[in-house]
mmCIF file of all heavy atoms, coordinates in Angstrom:
data_MODEL
# 
_entry.id   MODEL 
# 
loop_
_atom_site.group_PDB 
_atom_site.id 
_atom_site.type_symbol 
_atom_site.label_atom_id 
_atom_site.label_alt_id 
_atom_site.label_comp_id 
_atom_site.label_asym_id 
_atom_site.label_entity_id 
_atom_site.label_seq_id 
_atom_site.pdbx_PDB_ins_code 
_atom_site.Cartn_x 
_atom_site.Cartn_y 
_atom_site.Cartn_z 
_atom_site.occupancy 
_atom_site.B_iso_or_equiv 
_atom_site.pdbx_formal_charge 
_atom_site.auth_seq_id 
_atom_site.auth_comp_id 
_atom_site.auth_asym_id 
_atom_site.auth_atom_id 
_atom_site.pdbx_PDB_model_num 
ATOM 1   N N   . ARG A 1 1  ? 119.843 130.292 123.201 1.00 0.00 ? 1  ARG A N   1 
ATOM 2   C CA  . ARG A 1 1  ? 119.051 131.023 124.195 1.00 0.00 ? 1  ARG A CA  1 
ATOM 3   C C   . ARG A 1 1  ? 119.980 131.840 125.169 1.00 0.00 ? 1  ARG A C   1 
ATOM 4   O O   . ARG A 1 1  ? 119.784 133.007 125.422 1.00 0.00 ? 1  ARG A O   1 
ATOM 5   C CB  . ARG A 1 1  ? 118.195 130.115 125.016 1.00 0.00 ? 1  ARG A CB  1 
ATOM 6   C CG  . ARG A 1 1  ? 117.201 130.832 125.929 1.00 0.00 ? 1  ARG A CG  1 
ATOM 7   C CD  . ARG A 1 1  ? 116.289 129.751 126.655 1.00 0.00 ? 1  ARG A CD  1 
ATOM 8   N NE  . ARG A 1 1  ? 115.257 130.448 127.435 1.00 0.00 ? 1  ARG A NE  1 
ATOM 9   C CZ  . ARG A 1 1  ? 114.154 130.939 127.025 1.00 0.00 ? 1  ARG A CZ  1 
ATOM 10  N NH1 . ARG A 1 1  ? 113.852 130.746 125.713 1.00 0.00 ? 1  ARG A NH1 1 
ATOM 11  N NH2 . ARG A 1 1  ? 113.245 131.551 127.821 1.00 0.00 ? 1  ARG A NH2 1 
ATOM 12  N N   . LEU A 1 2  ? 121.090 131.125 125.558 1.00 0.00 ? 2  LEU A N   1 
ATOM 13  C CA  . LEU A 1 2  ? 122.036 131.785 126.423 1.00 0.00 ? 2  LEU A CA  1 
ATOM 14  C C   . LEU A 1 2  ? 122.848 132.877 125.716 1.00 0.00 ? 2  LEU A C   1 
ATOM 15  O O   . LEU A 1 2  ? 122.991 133.945 126.272 1.00 0.00 ? 2  LEU A O   1 
ATOM 16  C CB  . LEU A 1 2  ? 123.050 130.686 126.927 1.00 0.00 ? 2  LEU A CB  1 
ATOM 17  C CG  . LEU A 1 2  ? 124.108 131.141 127.952 1.00 0.00 ? 2  LEU A CG  1 
ATOM 18  C CD1 . LEU A 1 2  ? 123.574 131.761 129.175 1.00 0.00 ? 2  LEU A CD1 1 
ATOM 19  C CD2 . LEU A 1 2  ? 125.092 130.075 128.224 1.00 0.00 ? 2  LEU A CD2 1 
ATOM 20  N N   . ALA A 1 3  ? 123.044 132.693 124.427 1.00 0.00 ? 3  ALA A N   1 
ATOM 21  C CA  . ALA A 1 3  ? 123.745 133.693 123.611 1.00 0.00 ? 3  ALA A CA  1 
ATOM 22  C C   . ALA A 1 3  ? 122.886 134.983 123.569 1.00 0.00 ? 3  ALA A C   1 
ATOM 23  O O   . ALA A 1 3  ? 123.365 136.114 123.608 1.00 0.00 ? 3  ALA A O   1 
ATOM 24  C CB  . ALA A 1 3  ? 124.072 133.104 122.292 1.00 0.00 ? 3  ALA A CB  1 
ATOM 25  N N   . HIS A 1 4  ? 121.620 134.780 123.418 1.00 0.00 ? 4  HIS A N   1 
ATOM 26  C CA  . HIS A 1 4  ? 120.663 135.904 123.323 1.00 0.00 ? 4  HIS A CA  1 
ATOM 27  C C   . HIS A 1 4  ? 120.612 136.628 124.642 1.00 0.00 ? 4  HIS A C   1 
ATOM 28  O O   . HIS A 1 4  ? 120.682 137.920 124.639 1.00 0.00 ? 4  HIS A O   1 
ATOM 29  C CB  . HIS A 1 4  ? 119.280 135.458 123.008 1.00 0.00 ? 4  HIS A CB  1 
ATOM 30  C CG  . HIS A 1 4  ? 118.205 136.517 122.959 1.00 0.00 ? 4  HIS A CG  1 
ATOM 31  N ND1 . HIS A 1 4  ? 118.138 137.417 121.906 1.00 0.00 ? 4  HIS A ND1 1 
ATOM 32  C CD2 . HIS A 1 4  ? 117.382 136.900 123.838 1.00 0.00 ? 4  HIS A CD2 1 
ATOM 33  C CE1 . HIS A 1 4  ? 117.174 138.292 122.159 1.00 0.00 ? 4  HIS A CE1 1 
ATOM 34  N NE2 . HIS A 1 4  ? 116.611 137.962 123.370 1.00 0.00 ? 4  HIS A NE2 1 
ATOM 35  N N   . ASN A 1 5  ? 120.596 135.950 125.678 1.00 0.00 ? 5  ASN A N   1 
ATOM 36  C CA  . ASN A 1 5  ? 120.525 136.600 127.001 1.00 0.00 ? 5  ASN A CA  1 
ATOM 37  C C   . ASN A 1 5  ? 121.804 137.358 127.308 1.00 0.00 ? 5  ASN A C   1 
ATOM 38  O O   . ASN A 1 5  ? 121.760 138.504 127.847 1.00 0.00 ? 5  ASN A O   1 
ATOM 39  C CB  . ASN A 1 5  ? 120.338 135.522 128.144 1.00 0.00 ? 5  ASN A CB  1 
ATOM 40  C CG  . ASN A 1 5  ? 118.952 134.909 128.048 1.00 0.00 ? 5  ASN A CG  1 
ATOM 41  O OD1 . ASN A 1 5  ? 117.975 135.523 127.618 1.00 0.00 ? 5  ASN A OD1 1 
ATOM 42  N ND2 . ASN A 1 5  ? 118.781 133.777 128.691 1.00 0.00 ? 5  ASN A ND2 1 
ATOM 43  N N   . ILE A 1 6  ? 122.966 136.796 126.961 1.00 0.00 ? 6  ILE A N   1 
ATOM 44  C CA  . ILE A 1 6  ? 124.235 137.444 127.200 1.00 0.00 ? 6  ILE A CA  1 
ATOM 45  C C   . ILE A 1 6  ? 124.325 138.715 126.290 1.00 0.00 ? 6  ILE A C   1 
ATOM 46  O O   . ILE A 1 6  ? 124.723 139.779 126.742 1.00 0.00 ? 6  ILE A O   1 
ATOM 47  C CB  . ILE A 1 6  ? 125.425 136.548 126.879 1.00 0.00 ? 6  ILE A CB  1 
ATOM 48  C CG1 . ILE A 1 6  ? 125.443 135.386 127.916 1.00 0.00 ? 6  ILE A CG1 1 
ATOM 49  C CG2 . ILE A 1 6  ? 126.814 137.258 126.939 1.00 0.00 ? 6  ILE A CG2 1 
ATOM 50  C CD1 . ILE A 1 6  ? 126.429 134.256 127.553 1.00 0.00 ? 6  ILE A CD1 1 
ATOM 51  N N   . ALA A 1 7  ? 123.921 138.533 124.998 1.00 0.00 ? 7  ALA A N   1 
ATOM 52  C CA  . ALA A 1 7  ? 123.995 139.639 124.085 1.00 0.00 ? 7  ALA A CA  1 
ATOM 53  C C   . ALA A 1 7  ? 123.099 140.845 124.485 1.00 0.00 ? 7  ALA A C   1 
ATOM 54  O O   . ALA A 1 7  ? 123.385 141.944 124.153 1.00 0.00 ? 7  ALA A O   1 
ATOM 55  C CB  . ALA A 1 7  ? 123.682 139.101 122.714 1.00 0.00 ? 7  ALA A CB  1 
ATOM 56  N N   . SER A 1 8  ? 122.055 140.509 125.159 1.00 0.00 ? 8  SER A N   1 
ATOM 57  C CA  . SER A 1 8  ? 121.078 141.513 125.598 1.00 0.00 ? 8  SER A CA  1 
ATOM 58  C C   . SER A 1 8  ? 121.405 142.231 126.888 1.00 0.00 ? 8  SER A C   1 
ATOM 59  O O   . SER A 1 8  ? 120.695 143.208 127.281 1.00 0.00 ? 8  SER A O   1 
ATOM 60  C CB  . SER A 1 8  ? 119.668 140.838 125.667 1.00 0.00 ? 8  SER A CB  1 
ATOM 61  O OG  . SER A 1 8  ? 119.341 140.245 124.465 1.00 0.00 ? 8  SER A OG  1 
ATOM 62  N N   . THR A 1 9  ? 122.397 141.726 127.630 1.00 0.00 ? 9  THR A N   1 
ATOM 63  C CA  . THR A 1 9  ? 122.716 142.297 128.941 1.00 0.00 ? 9  THR A CA  1 
ATOM 64  C C   . THR A 1 9  ? 123.113 143.757 128.891 1.00 0.00 ? 9  THR A C   1 
ATOM 65  O O   . THR A 1 9  ? 123.799 144.162 127.874 1.00 0.00 ? 9  THR A O   1 
ATOM 66  C CB  . THR A 1 9  ? 123.761 141.495 129.673 1.00 0.00 ? 9  THR A CB  1 
ATOM 67  O OG1 . THR A 1 9  ? 123.882 142.022 130.989 1.00 0.00 ? 9  THR A OG1 1 
ATOM 68  C CG2 . THR A 1 9  ? 125.071 141.549 128.960 1.00 0.00 ? 9  THR A CG2 1 
ATOM 69  N N   . ARG A 1 10 ? 122.745 144.473 129.909 1.00 0.00 ? 10 ARG A N   1 
ATOM 70  C CA  . ARG A 1 10 ? 123.273 145.876 129.933 1.00 0.00 ? 10 ARG A CA  1 
ATOM 71  C C   . ARG A 1 10 ? 124.390 146.168 130.995 1.00 0.00 ? 10 ARG A C   1 
ATOM 72  O O   . ARG A 1 10 ? 124.669 147.242 131.300 1.00 0.00 ? 10 ARG A O   1 
ATOM 73  C CB  . ARG A 1 10 ? 122.079 146.823 130.294 1.00 0.00 ? 10 ARG A CB  1 
ATOM 74  C CG  . ARG A 1 10 ? 120.974 146.760 129.235 1.00 0.00 ? 10 ARG A CG  1 
ATOM 75  C CD  . ARG A 1 10 ? 119.934 147.857 129.468 1.00 0.00 ? 10 ARG A CD  1 
ATOM 76  N NE  . ARG A 1 10 ? 118.952 147.873 128.384 1.00 0.00 ? 10 ARG A NE  1 
ATOM 77  C CZ  . ARG A 1 10 ? 117.981 148.762 128.341 1.00 0.00 ? 10 ARG A CZ  1 
ATOM 78  N NH1 . ARG A 1 10 ? 117.784 149.624 129.290 1.00 0.00 ? 10 ARG A NH1 1 
ATOM 79  N NH2 . ARG A 1 10 ? 117.083 148.745 127.361 1.00 0.00 ? 10 ARG A NH2 1 
ATOM 80  N N   . LYS A 1 11 ? 124.970 145.039 131.435 1.00 0.00 ? 11 LYS A N   1 
ATOM 81  C CA  . LYS A 1 11 ? 126.067 145.160 132.363 1.00 0.00 ? 11 LYS A CA  1 
ATOM 82  C C   . LYS A 1 11 ? 127.239 145.862 131.677 1.00 0.00 ? 11 LYS A C   1 
ATOM 83  O O   . LYS A 1 11 ? 127.387 145.903 130.450 1.00 0.00 ? 11 LYS A O   1 
ATOM 84  C CB  . LYS A 1 11 ? 126.488 143.754 132.803 1.00 0.00 ? 11 LYS A CB  1 
ATOM 85  C CG  . LYS A 1 11 ? 125.401 142.981 133.552 1.00 0.00 ? 11 LYS A CG  1 
ATOM 86  C CD  . LYS A 1 11 ? 125.228 143.557 135.014 1.00 0.00 ? 11 LYS A CD  1 
ATOM 87  C CE  . LYS A 1 11 ? 124.236 142.679 135.815 1.00 0.00 ? 11 LYS A CE  1 
ATOM 88  N NZ  . LYS A 1 11 ? 124.101 143.248 137.165 1.00 0.00 ? 11 LYS A NZ  1 
ATOM 89  N N   . GLY A 1 12 ? 128.190 146.328 132.514 1.00 0.00 ? 12 GLY A N   1 
ATOM 90  C CA  . GLY A 1 12 ? 129.394 147.042 131.991 1.00 0.00 ? 12 GLY A CA  1 
ATOM 91  C C   . GLY A 1 12 ? 130.344 146.140 131.256 1.00 0.00 ? 12 GLY A C   1 
ATOM 92  O O   . GLY A 1 12 ? 130.257 144.946 131.488 1.00 0.00 ? 12 GLY A O   1 
ATOM 93  N N   . TYR A 1 13 ? 131.276 146.742 130.563 1.00 0.00 ? 13 TYR A N   1 
ATOM 94  C CA  . TYR A 1 13 ? 132.238 145.974 129.789 1.00 0.00 ? 13 TYR A CA  1 
ATOM 95  C C   . TYR A 1 13 ? 133.041 144.989 130.673 1.00 0.00 ? 13 TYR A C   1 
ATOM 96  O O   . TYR A 1 13 ? 133.242 143.896 130.317 1.00 0.00 ? 13 TYR A O   1 
ATOM 97  C CB  . TYR A 1 13 ? 133.207 146.910 129.084 1.00 0.00 ? 13 TYR A CB  1 
ATOM 98  C CG  . TYR A 1 13 ? 132.543 147.615 127.814 1.00 0.00 ? 13 TYR A CG  1 
ATOM 99  C CD1 . TYR A 1 13 ? 132.363 148.951 127.853 1.00 0.00 ? 13 TYR A CD1 1 
ATOM 100 C CD2 . TYR A 1 13 ? 132.203 146.871 126.706 1.00 0.00 ? 13 TYR A CD2 1 
ATOM 101 C CE1 . TYR A 1 13 ? 131.816 149.620 126.739 1.00 0.00 ? 13 TYR A CE1 1 
ATOM 102 C CE2 . TYR A 1 13 ? 131.595 147.491 125.634 1.00 0.00 ? 13 TYR A CE2 1 
ATOM 103 C CZ  . TYR A 1 13 ? 131.458 148.901 125.640 1.00 0.00 ? 13 TYR A CZ  1 
ATOM 104 O OH  . TYR A 1 13 ? 130.833 149.495 124.539 1.00 0.00 ? 13 TYR A OH  1 
ATOM 105 N N   . GLN A 1 14 ? 133.584 145.503 131.727 1.00 0.00 ? 14 GLN A N   1 
ATOM 106 C CA  . GLN A 1 14 ? 134.435 144.655 132.661 1.00 0.00 ? 14 GLN A CA  1 
ATOM 107 C C   . GLN A 1 14 ? 133.686 143.450 133.165 1.00 0.00 ? 14 GLN A C   1 
ATOM 108 O O   . GLN A 1 14 ? 134.231 142.321 133.191 1.00 0.00 ? 14 GLN A O   1 
ATOM 109 C CB  . GLN A 1 14 ? 134.966 145.508 133.778 1.00 0.00 ? 14 GLN A CB  1 
ATOM 110 C CG  . GLN A 1 14 ? 136.039 146.471 133.332 1.00 0.00 ? 14 GLN A CG  1 
ATOM 111 C CD  . GLN A 1 14 ? 137.321 145.888 132.867 1.00 0.00 ? 14 GLN A CD  1 
ATOM 112 O OE1 . GLN A 1 14 ? 137.807 144.836 133.416 1.00 0.00 ? 14 GLN A OE1 1 
ATOM 113 N NE2 . GLN A 1 14 ? 137.971 146.419 131.799 1.00 0.00 ? 14 GLN A NE2 1 
ATOM 114 N N   . PHE A 1 15 ? 132.560 143.662 133.566 1.00 0.00 ? 15 PHE A N   1 
ATOM 115 C CA  . PHE A 1 15 ? 131.625 142.525 134.093 1.00 0.00 ? 15 PHE A CA  1 
ATOM 116 C C   . PHE A 1 15 ? 131.406 141.486 133.064 1.00 0.00 ? 15 PHE A C   1 
ATOM 117 O O   . PHE A 1 15 ? 131.578 140.349 133.289 1.00 0.00 ? 15 PHE A O   1 
ATOM 118 C CB  . PHE A 1 15 ? 130.293 143.123 134.590 1.00 0.00 ? 15 PHE A CB  1 
ATOM 119 C CG  . PHE A 1 15 ? 129.317 142.081 135.096 1.00 0.00 ? 15 PHE A CG  1 
ATOM 120 C CD1 . PHE A 1 15 ? 129.401 141.747 136.539 1.00 0.00 ? 15 PHE A CD1 1 
ATOM 121 C CD2 . PHE A 1 15 ? 128.462 141.409 134.323 1.00 0.00 ? 15 PHE A CD2 1 
ATOM 122 C CE1 . PHE A 1 15 ? 128.571 140.773 137.017 1.00 0.00 ? 15 PHE A CE1 1 
ATOM 123 C CE2 . PHE A 1 15 ? 127.595 140.447 134.878 1.00 0.00 ? 15 PHE A CE2 1 
ATOM 124 C CZ  . PHE A 1 15 ? 127.616 140.132 136.178 1.00 0.00 ? 15 PHE A CZ  1 
ATOM 125 N N   . ILE A 1 16 ? 131.057 141.952 131.841 1.00 0.00 ? 16 ILE A N   1 
ATOM 126 C CA  . ILE A 1 16 ? 130.782 141.055 130.739 1.00 0.00 ? 16 ILE A CA  1 
ATOM 127 C C   . ILE A 1 16 ? 132.057 140.256 130.321 1.00 0.00 ? 16 ILE A C   1 
ATOM 128 O O   . ILE A 1 16 ? 131.977 139.011 130.122 1.00 0.00 ? 16 ILE A O   1 
ATOM 129 C CB  . ILE A 1 16 ? 130.171 141.793 129.508 1.00 0.00 ? 16 ILE A CB  1 
ATOM 130 C CG1 . ILE A 1 16 ? 128.820 142.405 129.844 1.00 0.00 ? 16 ILE A CG1 1 
ATOM 131 C CG2 . ILE A 1 16 ? 130.054 140.877 128.290 1.00 0.00 ? 16 ILE A CG2 1 
ATOM 132 C CD1 . ILE A 1 16 ? 128.302 143.359 128.819 1.00 0.00 ? 16 ILE A CD1 1 
ATOM 133 N N   . ALA A 1 17 ? 133.159 140.909 130.249 1.00 0.00 ? 17 ALA A N   1 
ATOM 134 C CA  . ALA A 1 17 ? 134.425 140.287 129.883 1.00 0.00 ? 17 ALA A CA  1 
ATOM 135 C C   . ALA A 1 17 ? 134.824 139.219 130.782 1.00 0.00 ? 17 ALA A C   1 
ATOM 136 O O   . ALA A 1 17 ? 135.554 138.291 130.377 1.00 0.00 ? 17 ALA A O   1 
ATOM 137 C CB  . ALA A 1 17 ? 135.503 141.345 129.592 1.00 0.00 ? 17 ALA A CB  1 
ATOM 138 N N   . LYS A 1 18 ? 134.436 139.349 132.052 1.00 0.00 ? 18 LYS A N   1 
ATOM 139 C CA  . LYS A 1 18 ? 134.818 138.330 133.086 1.00 0.00 ? 18 LYS A CA  1 
ATOM 140 C C   . LYS A 1 18 ? 133.749 137.269 133.273 1.00 0.00 ? 18 LYS A C   1 
ATOM 141 O O   . LYS A 1 18 ? 133.986 136.307 134.098 1.00 0.00 ? 18 LYS A O   1 
ATOM 142 C CB  . LYS A 1 18 ? 135.114 139.044 134.413 1.00 0.00 ? 18 LYS A CB  1 
ATOM 143 C CG  . LYS A 1 18 ? 136.273 139.946 134.383 1.00 0.00 ? 18 LYS A CG  1 
ATOM 144 C CD  . LYS A 1 18 ? 136.494 140.697 135.711 1.00 0.00 ? 18 LYS A CD  1 
ATOM 145 C CE  . LYS A 1 18 ? 137.673 141.671 135.577 1.00 0.00 ? 18 LYS A CE  1 
ATOM 146 N NZ  . LYS A 1 18 ? 137.820 142.406 136.883 1.00 0.00 ? 18 LYS A NZ  1 
ATOM 147 N N   . MET A 1 19 ? 132.681 137.292 132.534 1.00 0.00 ? 19 MET A N   1 
ATOM 148 C CA  . MET A 1 19 ? 131.569 136.307 132.635 1.00 0.00 ? 19 MET A CA  1 
ATOM 149 C C   . MET A 1 19 ? 132.133 134.973 132.174 1.00 0.00 ? 19 MET A C   1 
ATOM 150 O O   . MET A 1 19 ? 132.849 134.825 131.230 1.00 0.00 ? 19 MET A O   1 
ATOM 151 C CB  . MET A 1 19 ? 130.398 136.699 131.766 1.00 0.00 ? 19 MET A CB  1 
ATOM 152 C CG  . MET A 1 19 ? 129.525 137.856 132.327 1.00 0.00 ? 19 MET A CG  1 
ATOM 153 S SD  . MET A 1 19 ? 128.182 138.326 131.190 1.00 0.00 ? 19 MET A SD  1 
ATOM 154 C CE  . MET A 1 19 ? 127.170 136.803 131.223 1.00 0.00 ? 19 MET A CE  1 
ATOM 155 N N   . ARG A 1 20 ? 131.670 133.880 132.886 1.00 0.00 ? 20 ARG A N   1 
ATOM 156 C CA  . ARG A 1 20 ? 132.160 132.578 132.581 1.00 0.00 ? 20 ARG A CA  1 
ATOM 157 C C   . ARG A 1 20 ? 131.998 132.225 131.137 1.00 0.00 ? 20 ARG A C   1 
ATOM 158 O O   . ARG A 1 20 ? 132.916 131.576 130.551 1.00 0.00 ? 20 ARG A O   1 
ATOM 159 C CB  . ARG A 1 20 ? 131.450 131.561 133.501 1.00 0.00 ? 20 ARG A CB  1 
ATOM 160 C CG  . ARG A 1 20 ? 131.851 130.148 133.319 1.00 0.00 ? 20 ARG A CG  1 
ATOM 161 C CD  . ARG A 1 20 ? 131.419 129.301 134.499 1.00 0.00 ? 20 ARG A CD  1 
ATOM 162 N NE  . ARG A 1 20 ? 129.932 129.248 134.608 1.00 0.00 ? 20 ARG A NE  1 
ATOM 163 C CZ  . ARG A 1 20 ? 129.225 128.224 134.143 1.00 0.00 ? 20 ARG A CZ  1 
ATOM 164 N NH1 . ARG A 1 20 ? 129.796 127.201 133.490 1.00 0.00 ? 20 ARG A NH1 1 
ATOM 165 N NH2 . ARG A 1 20 ? 127.872 128.244 134.267 1.00 0.00 ? 20 ARG A NH2 1 
ATOM 166 N N   . TRP A 1 21 ? 130.842 132.548 130.633 1.00 0.00 ? 21 TRP A N   1 
ATOM 167 C CA  . TRP A 1 21 ? 130.511 132.139 129.265 1.00 0.00 ? 21 TRP A CA  1 
ATOM 168 C C   . TRP A 1 21 ? 131.342 132.946 128.215 1.00 0.00 ? 21 TRP A C   1 
ATOM 169 O O   . TRP A 1 21 ? 131.672 132.365 127.106 1.00 0.00 ? 21 TRP A O   1 
ATOM 170 C CB  . TRP A 1 21 ? 128.970 132.180 129.020 1.00 0.00 ? 21 TRP A CB  1 
ATOM 171 C CG  . TRP A 1 21 ? 128.245 131.240 129.768 1.00 0.00 ? 21 TRP A CG  1 
ATOM 172 C CD1 . TRP A 1 21 ? 127.482 131.422 130.837 1.00 0.00 ? 21 TRP A CD1 1 
ATOM 173 C CD2 . TRP A 1 21 ? 128.314 129.766 129.593 1.00 0.00 ? 21 TRP A CD2 1 
ATOM 174 N NE1 . TRP A 1 21 ? 126.951 130.274 131.318 1.00 0.00 ? 21 TRP A NE1 1 
ATOM 175 C CE2 . TRP A 1 21 ? 127.488 129.182 130.600 1.00 0.00 ? 21 TRP A CE2 1 
ATOM 176 C CE3 . TRP A 1 21 ? 129.020 128.933 128.736 1.00 0.00 ? 21 TRP A CE3 1 
ATOM 177 C CZ2 . TRP A 1 21 ? 127.283 127.853 130.707 1.00 0.00 ? 21 TRP A CZ2 1 
ATOM 178 C CZ3 . TRP A 1 21 ? 128.827 127.556 128.881 1.00 0.00 ? 21 TRP A CZ3 1 
ATOM 179 C CH2 . TRP A 1 21 ? 127.984 127.039 129.882 1.00 0.00 ? 21 TRP A CH2 1 
ATOM 180 N N   . ILE A 1 22 ? 131.587 134.196 128.521 1.00 0.00 ? 22 ILE A N   1 
ATOM 181 C CA  . ILE A 1 22 ? 132.475 134.972 127.642 1.00 0.00 ? 22 ILE A CA  1 
ATOM 182 C C   . ILE A 1 22 ? 133.864 134.462 127.595 1.00 0.00 ? 22 ILE A C   1 
ATOM 183 O O   . ILE A 1 22 ? 134.611 134.392 126.544 1.00 0.00 ? 22 ILE A O   1 
ATOM 184 C CB  . ILE A 1 22 ? 132.487 136.513 128.003 1.00 0.00 ? 22 ILE A CB  1 
ATOM 185 C CG1 . ILE A 1 22 ? 130.970 137.075 127.803 1.00 0.00 ? 22 ILE A CG1 1 
ATOM 186 C CG2 . ILE A 1 22 ? 133.437 137.289 127.163 1.00 0.00 ? 22 ILE A CG2 1 
ATOM 187 C CD1 . ILE A 1 22 ? 130.606 137.098 126.380 1.00 0.00 ? 22 ILE A CD1 1 
ATOM 188 N N   . VAL A 1 23 ? 134.418 134.104 128.805 1.00 0.00 ? 23 VAL A N   1 
ATOM 189 C CA  . VAL A 1 23 ? 135.748 133.531 128.970 1.00 0.00 ? 23 VAL A CA  1 
ATOM 190 C C   . VAL A 1 23 ? 135.793 132.256 128.137 1.00 0.00 ? 23 VAL A C   1 
ATOM 191 O O   . VAL A 1 23 ? 136.804 131.865 127.546 1.00 0.00 ? 23 VAL A O   1 
ATOM 192 C CB  . VAL A 1 23 ? 136.108 133.311 130.476 1.00 0.00 ? 23 VAL A CB  1 
ATOM 193 C CG1 . VAL A 1 23 ? 137.415 132.630 130.575 1.00 0.00 ? 23 VAL A CG1 1 
ATOM 194 C CG2 . VAL A 1 23 ? 136.159 134.714 131.097 1.00 0.00 ? 23 VAL A CG2 1 
ATOM 195 N N   . PHE A 1 24 ? 134.749 131.402 128.247 1.00 0.00 ? 24 PHE A N   1 
ATOM 196 C CA  . PHE A 1 24 ? 134.647 130.194 127.519 1.00 0.00 ? 24 PHE A CA  1 
ATOM 197 C C   . PHE A 1 24 ? 134.616 130.405 126.014 1.00 0.00 ? 24 PHE A C   1 
ATOM 198 O O   . PHE A 1 24 ? 135.346 129.700 125.281 1.00 0.00 ? 24 PHE A O   1 
ATOM 199 C CB  . PHE A 1 24 ? 133.330 129.433 127.971 1.00 0.00 ? 24 PHE A CB  1 
ATOM 200 C CG  . PHE A 1 24 ? 133.035 128.290 127.035 1.00 0.00 ? 24 PHE A CG  1 
ATOM 201 C CD1 . PHE A 1 24 ? 133.665 127.007 127.192 1.00 0.00 ? 24 PHE A CD1 1 
ATOM 202 C CD2 . PHE A 1 24 ? 132.074 128.332 126.040 1.00 0.00 ? 24 PHE A CD2 1 
ATOM 203 C CE1 . PHE A 1 24 ? 133.399 125.935 126.427 1.00 0.00 ? 24 PHE A CE1 1 
ATOM 204 C CE2 . PHE A 1 24 ? 131.817 127.231 125.169 1.00 0.00 ? 24 PHE A CE2 1 
ATOM 205 C CZ  . PHE A 1 24 ? 132.473 126.007 125.402 1.00 0.00 ? 24 PHE A CZ  1 
ATOM 206 N N   . ALA A 1 25 ? 133.819 131.372 125.588 1.00 0.00 ? 25 ALA A N   1 
ATOM 207 C CA  . ALA A 1 25 ? 133.722 131.599 124.124 1.00 0.00 ? 25 ALA A CA  1 
ATOM 208 C C   . ALA A 1 25 ? 135.019 132.172 123.508 1.00 0.00 ? 25 ALA A C   1 
ATOM 209 O O   . ALA A 1 25 ? 135.361 131.888 122.432 1.00 0.00 ? 25 ALA A O   1 
ATOM 210 C CB  . ALA A 1 25 ? 132.572 132.588 123.909 1.00 0.00 ? 25 ALA A CB  1 
ATOM 211 N N   . LEU A 1 26 ? 135.648 133.091 124.389 1.00 0.00 ? 26 LEU A N   1 
ATOM 212 C CA  . LEU A 1 26 ? 136.897 133.685 123.945 1.00 0.00 ? 26 LEU A CA  1 
ATOM 213 C C   . LEU A 1 26 ? 138.065 133.221 124.833 1.00 0.00 ? 26 LEU A C   1 
ATOM 214 O O   . LEU A 1 26 ? 138.708 133.966 125.525 1.00 0.00 ? 26 LEU A O   1 
ATOM 215 C CB  . LEU A 1 26 ? 136.792 135.208 123.900 1.00 0.00 ? 26 LEU A CB  1 
ATOM 216 C CG  . LEU A 1 26 ? 135.716 135.834 123.088 1.00 0.00 ? 26 LEU A CG  1 
ATOM 217 C CD1 . LEU A 1 26 ? 135.518 137.319 123.378 1.00 0.00 ? 26 LEU A CD1 1 
ATOM 218 C CD2 . LEU A 1 26 ? 136.122 135.605 121.554 1.00 0.00 ? 26 LEU A CD2 1 
ATOM 219 N N   . ASP A 1 27 ? 138.217 131.857 124.883 1.00 0.00 ? 27 ASP A N   1 
ATOM 220 C CA  . ASP A 1 27 ? 139.260 131.269 125.766 1.00 0.00 ? 27 ASP A CA  1 
ATOM 221 C C   . ASP A 1 27 ? 140.639 131.581 125.262 1.00 0.00 ? 27 ASP A C   1 
ATOM 222 O O   . ASP A 1 27 ? 140.857 132.148 124.197 1.00 0.00 ? 27 ASP A O   1 
ATOM 223 C CB  . ASP A 1 27 ? 139.063 129.829 125.966 1.00 0.00 ? 27 ASP A CB  1 
ATOM 224 C CG  . ASP A 1 27 ? 139.123 128.963 124.697 1.00 0.00 ? 27 ASP A CG  1 
ATOM 225 O OD1 . ASP A 1 27 ? 139.587 129.558 123.681 1.00 0.00 ? 27 ASP A OD1 1 
ATOM 226 O OD2 . ASP A 1 27 ? 138.714 127.807 124.674 1.00 0.00 ? 27 ASP A OD2 1 
ATOM 227 N N   . ASN A 1 28 ? 141.583 131.188 126.084 1.00 0.00 ? 28 ASN A N   1 
ATOM 228 C CA  . ASN A 1 28 ? 143.040 131.465 125.750 1.00 0.00 ? 28 ASN A CA  1 
ATOM 229 C C   . ASN A 1 28 ? 143.409 130.919 124.399 1.00 0.00 ? 28 ASN A C   1 
ATOM 230 O O   . ASN A 1 28 ? 144.133 131.643 123.628 1.00 0.00 ? 28 ASN A O   1 
ATOM 231 C CB  . ASN A 1 28 ? 143.908 130.869 126.859 1.00 0.00 ? 28 ASN A CB  1 
ATOM 232 C CG  . ASN A 1 28 ? 143.703 131.533 128.192 1.00 0.00 ? 28 ASN A CG  1 
ATOM 233 O OD1 . ASN A 1 28 ? 142.818 132.537 128.270 1.00 0.00 ? 28 ASN A OD1 1 
ATOM 234 N ND2 . ASN A 1 28 ? 144.366 131.068 129.244 1.00 0.00 ? 28 ASN A ND2 1 
ATOM 235 N N   . ASP A 1 29 ? 143.062 129.720 124.059 1.00 0.00 ? 29 ASP A N   1 
ATOM 236 C CA  . ASP A 1 29 ? 143.402 129.077 122.779 1.00 0.00 ? 29 ASP A CA  1 
ATOM 237 C C   . ASP A 1 29 ? 142.841 129.904 121.649 1.00 0.00 ? 29 ASP A C   1 
ATOM 238 O O   . ASP A 1 29 ? 143.511 130.059 120.648 1.00 0.00 ? 29 ASP A O   1 
ATOM 239 C CB  . ASP A 1 29 ? 142.924 127.629 122.676 1.00 0.00 ? 29 ASP A CB  1 
ATOM 240 C CG  . ASP A 1 29 ? 143.743 126.716 123.588 1.00 0.00 ? 29 ASP A CG  1 
ATOM 241 O OD1 . ASP A 1 29 ? 144.871 127.103 123.891 1.00 0.00 ? 29 ASP A OD1 1 
ATOM 242 O OD2 . ASP A 1 29 ? 143.240 125.661 123.931 1.00 0.00 ? 29 ASP A OD2 1 
# 
C-alpha cells in the first residue's frame, strides 16, 4: 500500500529522493 502511494506521488525528483522510505529502499548498502 505504501509502495503504491509513493509510486503515485507527483512530488518533484529531489523531494522523492529524500523521502524516508526511498532512502530506506535505496540505502547505502
